């Protein structure tokens, strides 16, 4: 396997742990902890809240956590 092998999944935020840490649930019911990337922390604080729909990038080696994927359509709509 390649070192930077990841996949992107849809998720819904279920709880805000801190301003940059969130509980999320995948469509199959699997619960994870999701974080924004360092460069996106300020945007995450402004855009994300409980119930937001997001895309999460995850590693096949650790299925318990992931990072948010921000794109232009997410920011333009004003909701996640």
C-alpha atoms as a PDB file:
ATOM      1  CA  UNK A   1       0.000   0.000   0.000  1.00  0.00           C
ATOM      2  CA  UNK A   2       1.076   3.525  -0.656  1.00  0.00           C
ATOM      3  CA  UNK A   3       1.946   5.771   2.236  1.00  0.00           C
ATOM      4  CA  UNK A   4      -0.720   8.406   1.475  1.00  0.00           C
ATOM      5  CA  UNK A   5      -3.607   6.081   0.611  1.00  0.00           C
ATOM      6  CA  UNK A   6      -6.892   7.570   1.848  1.00  0.00           C
ATOM      7  CA  UNK A   7     -10.575   7.564   0.982  1.00  0.00           C
ATOM      8  CA  UNK A   8     -13.340  10.147   1.350  1.00  0.00           C
ATOM      9  CA  UNK A   9     -16.722   9.379   2.941  1.00  0.00           C
ATOM     10  CA  UNK A  10     -19.847  11.397   3.737  1.00  0.00           C
ATOM     11  CA  UNK A  11     -20.653  11.957   7.407  1.00  0.00           C
ATOM     12  CA  UNK A  12     -23.019  13.887   9.684  1.00  0.00           C
ATOM     13  CA  UNK A  13     -21.706  15.729  12.740  1.00  0.00           C
ATOM     14  CA  UNK A  14     -23.453  14.467  15.862  1.00  0.00           C
ATOM     15  CA  UNK A  15     -21.665  16.367  18.599  1.00  0.00           C
ATOM     16  CA  UNK A  16     -19.141  19.163  19.097  1.00  0.00           C
ATOM     17  CA  UNK A  17     -16.391  18.073  21.498  1.00  0.00           C
ATOM     18  CA  UNK A  18     -14.409  21.307  21.243  1.00  0.00           C
ATOM     19  CA  UNK A  19     -14.286  24.072  18.647  1.00  0.00           C
ATOM     20  CA  UNK A  20     -12.026  21.915  16.431  1.00  0.00           C
ATOM     21  CA  UNK A  21     -13.041  18.367  17.400  1.00  0.00           C
ATOM     22  CA  UNK A  22     -16.312  16.726  16.398  1.00  0.00           C
ATOM     23  CA  UNK A  23     -18.087  13.386  16.736  1.00  0.00           C
ATOM     24  CA  UNK A  24     -19.485  12.222  13.410  1.00  0.00           C
ATOM     25  CA  UNK A  25     -21.434   9.251  12.125  1.00  0.00           C
ATOM     26  CA  UNK A  26     -20.972   7.630   8.713  1.00  0.00           C
ATOM     27  CA  UNK A  27     -23.955   6.417   6.632  1.00  0.00           C
ATOM     28  CA  UNK A  28     -23.296   2.832   7.783  1.00  0.00           C
ATOM     29  CA  UNK A  29     -23.624   3.891  11.458  1.00  0.00           C
ATOM     30  CA  UNK A  30     -19.902   3.842  12.282  1.00  0.00           C
ATOM     31  CA  UNK A  31     -18.981   6.654  14.707  1.00  0.00           C
ATOM     32  CA  UNK A  32     -15.705   8.548  14.332  1.00  0.00           C
ATOM     33  CA  UNK A  33     -13.890  11.596  15.688  1.00  0.00           C
ATOM     34  CA  UNK A  34     -13.307  14.231  12.998  1.00  0.00           C
ATOM     35  CA  UNK A  35     -10.825  17.096  12.927  1.00  0.00           C
ATOM     36  CA  UNK A  36     -10.181  19.945  10.488  1.00  0.00           C
ATOM     37  CA  UNK A  37      -6.743  20.221   8.920  1.00  0.00           C
ATOM     38  CA  UNK A  38      -4.511  22.851  10.525  1.00  0.00           C
ATOM     39  CA  UNK A  39      -4.957  25.298   7.661  1.00  0.00           C
ATOM     40  CA  UNK A  40      -8.777  25.006   7.873  1.00  0.00           C
ATOM     41  CA  UNK A  41      -9.312  25.389  11.633  1.00  0.00           C
ATOM     42  CA  UNK A  42     -10.732  28.913  11.444  1.00  0.00           C
ATOM     43  CA  UNK A  43     -13.146  27.949   8.661  1.00  0.00           C
ATOM     44  CA  UNK A  44     -14.240  24.896  10.637  1.00  0.00           C
ATOM     45  CA  UNK A  45     -15.124  27.015  13.663  1.00  0.00           C
ATOM     46  CA  UNK A  46     -17.274  29.283  11.493  1.00  0.00           C
ATOM     47  CA  UNK A  47     -18.961  26.719   9.229  1.00  0.00           C
ATOM     48  CA  UNK A  48     -19.406  23.506  11.191  1.00  0.00           C
ATOM     49  CA  UNK A  49     -22.027  22.748  13.815  1.00  0.00           C
ATOM     50  CA  UNK A  50     -24.076  19.816  15.068  1.00  0.00           C
ATOM     51  CA  UNK A  51     -26.074  18.273  12.220  1.00  0.00           C
ATOM     52  CA  UNK A  52     -23.770  19.527   9.440  1.00  0.00           C
ATOM     53  CA  UNK A  53     -23.141  17.172   6.528  1.00  0.00           C
ATOM     54  CA  UNK A  54     -19.456  16.899   5.674  1.00  0.00           C
ATOM     55  CA  UNK A  55     -16.968  14.810   3.755  1.00  0.00           C
ATOM     56  CA  UNK A  56     -14.285  13.119   5.826  1.00  0.00           C
ATOM     57  CA  UNK A  57     -10.949  11.832   4.565  1.00  0.00           C
ATOM     58  CA  UNK A  58      -9.865   8.661   6.364  1.00  0.00           C
ATOM     59  CA  UNK A  59      -6.941   6.277   6.344  1.00  0.00           C
ATOM     60  CA  UNK A  60      -7.592   2.556   5.941  1.00  0.00           C
ATOM     61  CA  UNK A  61      -5.237   1.993   8.874  1.00  0.00           C
ATOM     62  CA  UNK A  62      -7.248   3.963  11.472  1.00  0.00           C
ATOM     63  CA  UNK A  63     -11.013   3.886  11.014  1.00  0.00           C
ATOM     64  CA  UNK A  64     -11.732   5.770  14.254  1.00  0.00           C
ATOM     65  CA  UNK A  65     -10.787   9.274  13.085  1.00  0.00           C
ATOM     66  CA  UNK A  66     -10.704  11.456  10.002  1.00  0.00           C
ATOM     67  CA  UNK A  67     -10.135  14.963   8.706  1.00  0.00           C
ATOM     68  CA  UNK A  68     -12.623  17.273   6.992  1.00  0.00           C
ATOM     69  CA  UNK A  69     -12.418  17.869   3.264  1.00  0.00           C
ATOM     70  CA  UNK A  70     -13.256  21.505   2.454  1.00  0.00           C
ATOM     71  CA  UNK A  71     -14.131  22.517  -1.076  1.00  0.00           C
ATOM     72  CA  UNK A  72     -15.573  25.594  -2.791  1.00  0.00           C
ATOM     73  CA  UNK A  73     -19.143  24.262  -2.985  1.00  0.00           C
ATOM     74  CA  UNK A  74     -19.180  23.661   0.792  1.00  0.00           C
ATOM     75  CA  UNK A  75     -18.094  27.242   1.495  1.00  0.00           C
ATOM     76  CA  UNK A  76     -20.346  28.824  -1.126  1.00  0.00           C
ATOM     77  CA  UNK A  77     -23.478  27.147   0.182  1.00  0.00           C
ATOM     78  CA  UNK A  78     -22.800  28.347   3.711  1.00  0.00           C
ATOM     79  CA  UNK A  79     -23.724  24.978   5.116  1.00  0.00           C
ATOM     80  CA  UNK A  80     -21.803  21.784   5.531  1.00  0.00           C
END
